[in-house]
Amino acid sequence: MLKKGDIAPDFPLTHDGQATSLHKLSRPVVLFFYPGDFTAVCTREACAFRDHGAEFQQKGALLFGISRDDEESHQRFAATHSLTYELISDPDLRIAKAYQVIRSIPFLPSRRLTYVLDAEARILGVIGSDLNVGAHVQGALKLLGG
């Protein structure tokens, strides 16, 4: 697994309607990987990040949720739950593989991991819990300094 101090793998993304890449954001970033849109635990996690969005914003951090669901599913999921951050579609699991969130048993969903990065894309910490979604939010806030 990637660990504290590693430089996070770069990948292209869209932020505020502009094509960019993770390393070009030059801000703290929270990447939370989740198995799928509209599932019970994933919905709780996505909503928990939404509910604490102002705290992440105060810390200057950007939030990105990442799953293998397609863009259409992400749009419906975000609209249904009033998500205020961007969701990244990773259908070929290229990003998930780079961040080592794929389980060793192929038919199981990806692991629920949250990576917290500083403004230089260095990993400040990794939070993992399949069921305790609060640990992801609170752990990310703590790693960002509070």
N, C-alpha and C. Protein backbone atom coordinates (compact mmCIF):
# COMPACT_ATOMS: atom_id res chain seq x y z
N MET A 1 0.84 -1.18 0.00
CA MET A 1 0.00 0.00 0.00
C MET A 1 0.89 1.24 0.00
N LEU A 2 0.42 2.26 -0.67
CA LEU A 2 1.10 3.54 -0.61
C LEU A 2 1.07 4.01 0.84
N LYS A 3 2.06 4.78 1.24
CA LYS A 3 2.13 5.16 2.65
C LYS A 3 2.48 6.63 2.82
N LYS A 4 2.39 7.06 4.05
CA LYS A 4 2.72 8.43 4.42
C LYS A 4 4.10 8.80 3.87
N GLY A 5 4.17 9.97 3.25
CA GLY A 5 5.42 10.46 2.69
C GLY A 5 5.61 10.17 1.22
N ASP A 6 4.89 9.18 0.68
CA ASP A 6 4.98 8.89 -0.75
C ASP A 6 4.33 10.01 -1.56
N ILE A 7 4.83 10.22 -2.76
CA ILE A 7 4.16 11.13 -3.70
C ILE A 7 3.00 10.34 -4.33
N ALA A 8 1.82 10.92 -4.27
CA ALA A 8 0.63 10.26 -4.80
C ALA A 8 0.73 10.12 -6.32
N PRO A 9 0.28 9.00 -6.87
CA PRO A 9 0.26 8.86 -8.33
C PRO A 9 -0.61 9.95 -8.96
N ASP A 10 -0.11 10.52 -10.03
CA ASP A 10 -0.84 11.57 -10.74
C ASP A 10 -1.85 10.94 -11.69
N PHE A 11 -2.91 11.65 -11.99
CA PHE A 11 -3.89 11.21 -12.97
C PHE A 11 -4.66 12.43 -13.46
N PRO A 12 -5.18 12.37 -14.70
CA PRO A 12 -5.97 13.49 -15.21
C PRO A 12 -7.32 13.54 -14.52
N LEU A 13 -7.85 14.75 -14.34
CA LEU A 13 -9.17 14.93 -13.77
C LEU A 13 -9.74 16.26 -14.23
N THR A 14 -11.00 16.46 -13.96
CA THR A 14 -11.65 17.73 -14.26
C THR A 14 -12.03 18.37 -12.93
N HIS A 15 -11.63 19.64 -12.76
CA HIS A 15 -11.99 20.38 -11.55
C HIS A 15 -12.54 21.72 -11.97
N ASP A 16 -13.72 22.05 -11.45
CA ASP A 16 -14.41 23.30 -11.82
C ASP A 16 -14.54 23.44 -13.32
N GLY A 17 -14.81 22.31 -14.00
CA GLY A 17 -15.03 22.33 -15.44
C GLY A 17 -13.76 22.41 -16.27
N GLN A 18 -12.61 22.40 -15.64
CA GLN A 18 -11.34 22.52 -16.36
C GLN A 18 -10.56 21.21 -16.28
N ALA A 19 -9.99 20.80 -17.41
CA ALA A 19 -9.13 19.62 -17.43
C ALA A 19 -7.82 19.97 -16.75
N THR A 20 -7.38 19.12 -15.85
CA THR A 20 -6.13 19.32 -15.13
C THR A 20 -5.61 17.96 -14.70
N SER A 21 -4.73 17.94 -13.74
CA SER A 21 -4.26 16.69 -13.16
C SER A 21 -4.11 16.89 -11.67
N LEU A 22 -4.04 15.80 -10.95
CA LEU A 22 -3.93 15.86 -9.50
C LEU A 22 -2.75 16.73 -9.07
N HIS A 23 -1.59 16.53 -9.67
CA HIS A 23 -0.39 17.26 -9.25
C HIS A 23 -0.45 18.75 -9.57
N LYS A 24 -1.30 19.16 -10.47
CA LYS A 24 -1.41 20.58 -10.82
C LYS A 24 -2.37 21.35 -9.91
N LEU A 25 -3.06 20.66 -9.02
CA LEU A 25 -4.04 21.34 -8.17
C LEU A 25 -3.38 22.26 -7.15
N SER A 26 -2.20 21.88 -6.66
CA SER A 26 -1.43 22.69 -5.70
C SER A 26 -2.23 23.09 -4.47
N ARG A 27 -3.05 22.16 -4.01
CA ARG A 27 -3.85 22.33 -2.79
C ARG A 27 -3.93 20.99 -2.08
N PRO A 28 -4.21 21.00 -0.80
CA PRO A 28 -4.47 19.72 -0.14
C PRO A 28 -5.67 19.03 -0.81
N VAL A 29 -5.60 17.72 -0.88
CA VAL A 29 -6.64 16.94 -1.55
C VAL A 29 -6.98 15.72 -0.70
N VAL A 30 -8.27 15.41 -0.67
CA VAL A 30 -8.74 14.18 -0.05
C VAL A 30 -9.37 13.34 -1.16
N LEU A 31 -8.80 12.15 -1.37
CA LEU A 31 -9.32 11.20 -2.35
C LEU A 31 -9.94 10.05 -1.58
N PHE A 32 -11.26 9.89 -1.69
CA PHE A 32 -11.85 8.74 -1.02
C PHE A 32 -12.36 7.76 -2.07
N PHE A 33 -11.83 6.55 -1.99
CA PHE A 33 -12.21 5.46 -2.88
C PHE A 33 -13.33 4.68 -2.22
N TYR A 34 -14.38 4.42 -2.99
CA TYR A 34 -15.53 3.70 -2.45
C TYR A 34 -16.02 2.70 -3.49
N PRO A 35 -16.63 1.59 -3.04
CA PRO A 35 -17.03 0.53 -3.97
C PRO A 35 -18.08 0.92 -5.01
N GLY A 36 -19.13 1.67 -4.63
CA GLY A 36 -20.14 1.96 -5.64
C GLY A 36 -21.21 2.93 -5.22
N ASP A 37 -21.71 3.68 -6.20
CA ASP A 37 -22.81 4.61 -5.99
C ASP A 37 -24.06 3.86 -5.52
N PHE A 38 -24.84 4.53 -4.72
CA PHE A 38 -26.17 4.07 -4.28
C PHE A 38 -26.15 2.83 -3.39
N THR A 39 -25.01 2.45 -2.86
CA THR A 39 -25.00 1.36 -1.88
C THR A 39 -25.07 2.00 -0.49
N ALA A 40 -25.53 1.25 0.49
CA ALA A 40 -25.83 1.83 1.81
C ALA A 40 -24.61 2.50 2.46
N VAL A 41 -23.52 1.77 2.60
CA VAL A 41 -22.36 2.33 3.29
C VAL A 41 -21.71 3.44 2.47
N CYS A 42 -21.66 3.26 1.16
CA CYS A 42 -21.07 4.28 0.30
C CYS A 42 -21.88 5.57 0.34
N THR A 43 -23.20 5.44 0.38
CA THR A 43 -24.05 6.63 0.48
C THR A 43 -23.80 7.35 1.80
N ARG A 44 -23.69 6.59 2.90
CA ARG A 44 -23.39 7.22 4.20
C ARG A 44 -22.05 7.95 4.16
N GLU A 45 -21.07 7.32 3.52
CA GLU A 45 -19.75 7.94 3.43
C GLU A 45 -19.80 9.22 2.59
N ALA A 46 -20.41 9.14 1.43
CA ALA A 46 -20.49 10.31 0.55
C ALA A 46 -21.21 11.46 1.24
N CYS A 47 -22.29 11.15 1.96
CA CYS A 47 -23.04 12.19 2.66
C CYS A 47 -22.26 12.73 3.85
N ALA A 48 -21.48 11.90 4.51
CA ALA A 48 -20.65 12.38 5.63
C ALA A 48 -19.61 13.37 5.11
N PHE A 49 -18.98 13.08 3.98
CA PHE A 49 -18.04 14.05 3.41
C PHE A 49 -18.77 15.33 3.02
N ARG A 50 -19.96 15.21 2.45
CA ARG A 50 -20.76 16.39 2.10
C ARG A 50 -21.06 17.22 3.34
N ASP A 51 -21.49 16.55 4.41
CA ASP A 51 -21.89 17.26 5.62
C ASP A 51 -20.73 17.99 6.29
N HIS A 52 -19.52 17.55 6.04
CA HIS A 52 -18.33 18.20 6.62
C HIS A 52 -17.58 19.03 5.57
N GLY A 53 -18.23 19.28 4.45
CA GLY A 53 -17.60 20.01 3.35
C GLY A 53 -17.05 21.37 3.74
N ALA A 54 -17.76 22.10 4.59
CA ALA A 54 -17.29 23.42 5.00
C ALA A 54 -15.98 23.33 5.78
N GLU A 55 -15.83 22.27 6.57
CA GLU A 55 -14.59 22.09 7.34
C GLU A 55 -13.42 21.81 6.41
N PHE A 56 -13.65 21.01 5.39
CA PHE A 56 -12.59 20.73 4.42
C PHE A 56 -12.26 22.00 3.64
N GLN A 57 -13.28 22.75 3.30
CA GLN A 57 -13.07 24.00 2.57
C GLN A 57 -12.26 24.99 3.41
N GLN A 58 -12.55 25.08 4.70
CA GLN A 58 -11.79 25.97 5.59
C GLN A 58 -10.31 25.60 5.62
N LYS A 59 -10.01 24.34 5.43
CA LYS A 59 -8.63 23.86 5.43
C LYS A 59 -8.00 23.97 4.04
N GLY A 60 -8.77 24.48 3.08
CA GLY A 60 -8.27 24.64 1.72
C GLY A 60 -8.21 23.36 0.92
N ALA A 61 -8.85 22.31 1.43
CA ALA A 61 -8.75 20.99 0.78
C ALA A 61 -9.88 20.76 -0.22
N LEU A 62 -9.53 20.07 -1.28
CA LEU A 62 -10.51 19.64 -2.27
C LEU A 62 -10.85 18.18 -2.00
N LEU A 63 -12.12 17.83 -2.18
CA LEU A 63 -12.60 16.46 -2.01
C LEU A 63 -12.90 15.85 -3.38
N PHE A 64 -12.53 14.57 -3.54
CA PHE A 64 -12.87 13.82 -4.73
C PHE A 64 -13.25 12.40 -4.29
N GLY A 65 -14.42 11.95 -4.72
CA GLY A 65 -14.83 10.57 -4.52
C GLY A 65 -14.53 9.80 -5.79
N ILE A 66 -14.01 8.57 -5.64
CA ILE A 66 -13.61 7.79 -6.81
C ILE A 66 -14.19 6.37 -6.71
N SER A 67 -14.88 5.97 -7.78
CA SER A 67 -15.36 4.59 -7.88
C SER A 67 -15.37 4.19 -9.35
N ARG A 68 -15.68 2.93 -9.60
CA ARG A 68 -15.69 2.45 -10.98
C ARG A 68 -17.00 2.79 -11.71
N ASP A 69 -17.96 3.38 -11.02
CA ASP A 69 -19.23 3.75 -11.66
C ASP A 69 -19.00 4.75 -12.78
N ASP A 70 -19.88 4.74 -13.78
CA ASP A 70 -19.72 5.64 -14.92
C ASP A 70 -20.20 7.05 -14.57
N GLU A 71 -19.92 7.98 -15.46
CA GLU A 71 -20.26 9.39 -15.23
C GLU A 71 -21.76 9.60 -15.01
N GLU A 72 -22.59 8.89 -15.76
CA GLU A 72 -24.04 9.03 -15.61
C GLU A 72 -24.48 8.63 -14.20
N SER A 73 -23.97 7.52 -13.71
CA SER A 73 -24.29 7.09 -12.35
C SER A 73 -23.82 8.13 -11.33
N HIS A 74 -22.60 8.64 -11.53
CA HIS A 74 -22.07 9.67 -10.63
C HIS A 74 -22.96 10.92 -10.62
N GLN A 75 -23.42 11.32 -11.78
CA GLN A 75 -24.28 12.51 -11.86
C GLN A 75 -25.58 12.29 -11.10
N ARG A 76 -26.19 11.12 -11.26
CA ARG A 76 -27.43 10.82 -10.53
C ARG A 76 -27.18 10.74 -9.03
N PHE A 77 -26.08 10.09 -8.64
CA PHE A 77 -25.71 9.94 -7.23
C PHE A 77 -25.49 11.31 -6.60
N ALA A 78 -24.74 12.16 -7.27
CA ALA A 78 -24.46 13.50 -6.76
C ALA A 78 -25.74 14.33 -6.65
N ALA A 79 -26.59 14.25 -7.64
CA ALA A 79 -27.84 15.01 -7.62
C ALA A 79 -28.78 14.50 -6.54
N THR A 80 -28.91 13.20 -6.41
CA THR A 80 -29.81 12.60 -5.42
C THR A 80 -29.41 12.99 -4.00
N HIS A 81 -28.11 13.08 -3.74
CA HIS A 81 -27.63 13.32 -2.38
C HIS A 81 -27.00 14.70 -2.20
N SER A 82 -27.21 15.59 -3.16
CA SER A 82 -26.71 16.97 -3.08
C SER A 82 -25.22 17.02 -2.73
N LEU A 83 -24.44 16.21 -3.42
CA LEU A 83 -23.01 16.19 -3.16
C LEU A 83 -22.37 17.44 -3.72
N THR A 84 -21.48 18.03 -2.96
CA THR A 84 -20.91 19.33 -3.30
C THR A 84 -19.46 19.23 -3.76
N TYR A 85 -19.01 18.05 -4.08
CA TYR A 85 -17.65 17.83 -4.55
C TYR A 85 -17.73 16.94 -5.77
N GLU A 86 -16.59 16.76 -6.42
CA GLU A 86 -16.58 16.01 -7.68
C GLU A 86 -16.37 14.52 -7.46
N LEU A 87 -17.05 13.74 -8.30
CA LEU A 87 -16.89 12.30 -8.32
C LEU A 87 -16.13 11.93 -9.59
N ILE A 88 -15.17 11.04 -9.44
CA ILE A 88 -14.34 10.62 -10.56
C ILE A 88 -14.70 9.19 -10.95
N SER A 89 -14.96 9.00 -12.23
CA SER A 89 -15.27 7.68 -12.76
C SER A 89 -13.98 6.97 -13.12
N ASP A 90 -13.83 5.74 -12.64
CA ASP A 90 -12.63 4.94 -12.87
C ASP A 90 -13.05 3.54 -13.35
N PRO A 91 -13.72 3.46 -14.52
CA PRO A 91 -14.28 2.18 -14.96
C PRO A 91 -13.25 1.08 -15.23
N ASP A 92 -12.06 1.47 -15.66
CA ASP A 92 -11.03 0.47 -15.92
C ASP A 92 -10.12 0.22 -14.71
N LEU A 93 -10.45 0.89 -13.60
CA LEU A 93 -9.73 0.75 -12.33
C LEU A 93 -8.26 1.17 -12.41
N ARG A 94 -7.94 2.01 -13.39
CA ARG A 94 -6.56 2.48 -13.55
C ARG A 94 -6.10 3.27 -12.31
N ILE A 95 -6.96 4.16 -11.83
CA ILE A 95 -6.60 4.96 -10.65
C ILE A 95 -6.59 4.06 -9.41
N ALA A 96 -7.60 3.22 -9.29
CA ALA A 96 -7.68 2.30 -8.13
C ALA A 96 -6.45 1.41 -8.05
N LYS A 97 -5.97 0.94 -9.18
CA LYS A 97 -4.76 0.10 -9.18
C LYS A 97 -3.55 0.92 -8.75
N ALA A 98 -3.43 2.14 -9.25
CA ALA A 98 -2.29 2.99 -8.89
C ALA A 98 -2.28 3.28 -7.39
N TYR A 99 -3.46 3.38 -6.79
CA TYR A 99 -3.59 3.67 -5.36
C TYR A 99 -3.75 2.40 -4.52
N GLN A 100 -3.65 1.27 -5.16
CA GLN A 100 -3.64 -0.03 -4.50
C GLN A 100 -4.89 -0.27 -3.64
N VAL A 101 -6.05 0.02 -4.21
CA VAL A 101 -7.31 -0.23 -3.49
C VAL A 101 -8.04 -1.47 -3.99
N ILE A 102 -7.45 -2.18 -4.95
CA ILE A 102 -8.06 -3.39 -5.50
C ILE A 102 -7.83 -4.54 -4.53
N ARG A 103 -8.88 -5.29 -4.27
CA ARG A 103 -8.75 -6.46 -3.40
C ARG A 103 -8.09 -7.61 -4.15
N SER A 104 -7.47 -8.51 -3.40
CA SER A 104 -6.79 -9.65 -4.04
C SER A 104 -7.78 -10.67 -4.62
N ILE A 105 -9.02 -10.66 -4.12
CA ILE A 105 -10.06 -11.54 -4.66
C ILE A 105 -10.87 -10.71 -5.66
N PRO A 106 -10.75 -11.01 -6.96
CA PRO A 106 -11.27 -10.13 -8.01
C PRO A 106 -12.77 -9.83 -7.96
N PHE A 107 -13.60 -10.74 -7.46
CA PHE A 107 -15.05 -10.49 -7.51
C PHE A 107 -15.53 -9.59 -6.37
N LEU A 108 -14.67 -9.29 -5.40
CA LEU A 108 -15.05 -8.39 -4.32
C LEU A 108 -14.87 -6.94 -4.77
N PRO A 109 -15.68 -6.03 -4.22
CA PRO A 109 -15.51 -4.63 -4.60
C PRO A 109 -14.18 -4.08 -4.09
N SER A 110 -13.80 -2.94 -4.62
CA SER A 110 -12.55 -2.32 -4.18
C SER A 110 -12.63 -1.96 -2.69
N ARG A 111 -11.47 -1.79 -2.10
CA ARG A 111 -11.40 -1.43 -0.69
C ARG A 111 -11.82 0.02 -0.50
N ARG A 112 -12.33 0.31 0.67
CA ARG A 112 -12.71 1.68 1.02
C ARG A 112 -11.50 2.32 1.69
N LEU A 113 -10.79 3.16 0.95
CA LEU A 113 -9.61 3.84 1.46
C LEU A 113 -9.70 5.32 1.16
N THR A 114 -9.18 6.11 2.07
CA THR A 114 -9.11 7.55 1.88
C THR A 114 -7.65 7.97 1.97
N TYR A 115 -7.20 8.70 0.95
CA TYR A 115 -5.85 9.25 0.92
C TYR A 115 -5.95 10.76 1.14
N VAL A 116 -5.14 11.27 2.06
CA VAL A 116 -5.08 12.70 2.33
C VAL A 116 -3.72 13.18 1.85
N LEU A 117 -3.73 14.18 0.97
CA LEU A 117 -2.52 14.68 0.33
C LEU A 117 -2.29 16.13 0.68
N ASP A 118 -1.03 16.52 0.77
CA ASP A 118 -0.72 17.93 0.98
C ASP A 118 -0.72 18.65 -0.38
N ALA A 119 -0.39 19.93 -0.39
CA ALA A 119 -0.44 20.72 -1.62
C ALA A 119 0.57 20.28 -2.66
N GLU A 120 1.59 19.51 -2.25
CA GLU A 120 2.58 18.99 -3.19
C GLU A 120 2.28 17.55 -3.60
N ALA A 121 1.09 17.06 -3.27
CA ALA A 121 0.63 15.70 -3.59
C ALA A 121 1.40 14.63 -2.83
N ARG A 122 1.97 14.99 -1.69
CA ARG A 122 2.61 14.01 -0.81
C ARG A 122 1.55 13.45 0.13
N ILE A 123 1.56 12.15 0.34
CA ILE A 123 0.56 11.51 1.18
C ILE A 123 0.80 11.84 2.64
N LEU A 124 -0.19 12.47 3.26
CA LEU A 124 -0.14 12.77 4.70
C LEU A 124 -0.59 11.57 5.52
N GLY A 125 -1.45 10.74 4.94
CA GLY A 125 -1.93 9.57 5.63
C GLY A 125 -2.97 8.83 4.81
N VAL A 126 -3.24 7.59 5.22
CA VAL A 126 -4.21 6.73 4.55
C VAL A 126 -5.17 6.21 5.62
N ILE A 127 -6.46 6.33 5.36
CA ILE A 127 -7.47 5.86 6.30
C ILE A 127 -8.21 4.70 5.65
N GLY A 128 -8.32 3.60 6.35
CA GLY A 128 -9.03 2.44 5.84
C GLY A 128 -10.00 1.87 6.85
N SER A 129 -11.23 1.74 6.45
CA SER A 129 -12.26 1.08 7.25
C SER A 129 -13.41 0.79 6.30
N ASP A 130 -13.81 -0.47 6.22
CA ASP A 130 -14.89 -0.81 5.30
C ASP A 130 -16.26 -0.35 5.78
N LEU A 131 -16.45 -0.24 7.09
CA LEU A 131 -17.78 0.09 7.61
C LEU A 131 -17.86 1.39 8.40
N ASN A 132 -16.78 1.82 9.02
CA ASN A 132 -16.80 3.03 9.84
C ASN A 132 -16.48 4.24 8.97
N VAL A 133 -17.49 4.76 8.29
CA VAL A 133 -17.26 5.87 7.37
C VAL A 133 -16.87 7.14 8.12
N GLY A 134 -17.30 7.27 9.37
CA GLY A 134 -16.90 8.43 10.17
C GLY A 134 -15.40 8.49 10.37
N ALA A 135 -14.76 7.32 10.42
CA ALA A 135 -13.30 7.29 10.58
C ALA A 135 -12.62 7.95 9.39
N HIS A 136 -13.20 7.83 8.21
CA HIS A 136 -12.61 8.44 7.02
C HIS A 136 -12.68 9.96 7.11
N VAL A 137 -13.85 10.46 7.45
CA VAL A 137 -14.04 11.91 7.51
C VAL A 137 -13.21 12.51 8.65
N GLN A 138 -13.36 11.96 9.85
CA GLN A 138 -12.63 12.51 11.00
C GLN A 138 -11.12 12.34 10.84
N GLY A 139 -10.70 11.20 10.31
CA GLY A 139 -9.27 10.98 10.08
C GLY A 139 -8.70 11.96 9.09
N ALA A 140 -9.44 12.23 8.01
CA ALA A 140 -8.98 13.17 7.00
C ALA A 140 -8.87 14.59 7.58
N LEU A 141 -9.87 14.99 8.35
CA LEU A 141 -9.82 16.32 8.97
C LEU A 141 -8.63 16.43 9.93
N LYS A 142 -8.39 15.39 10.68
CA LYS A 142 -7.27 15.40 11.63
C LYS A 142 -5.93 15.53 10.89
N LEU A 143 -5.78 14.76 9.81
CA LEU A 143 -4.55 14.82 9.04
C LEU A 143 -4.32 16.19 8.39
N LEU A 144 -5.41 16.90 8.12
CA LEU A 144 -5.31 18.23 7.53
C LEU A 144 -5.06 19.30 8.59
N GLY A 145 -4.98 18.88 9.85
CA GLY A 145 -4.65 19.84 10.89
C GLY A 145 -5.82 20.25 11.74
N GLY A 146 -6.57 19.32 12.18
CA GLY A 146 -7.66 19.68 13.08
C GLY A 146 -8.64 18.63 13.13
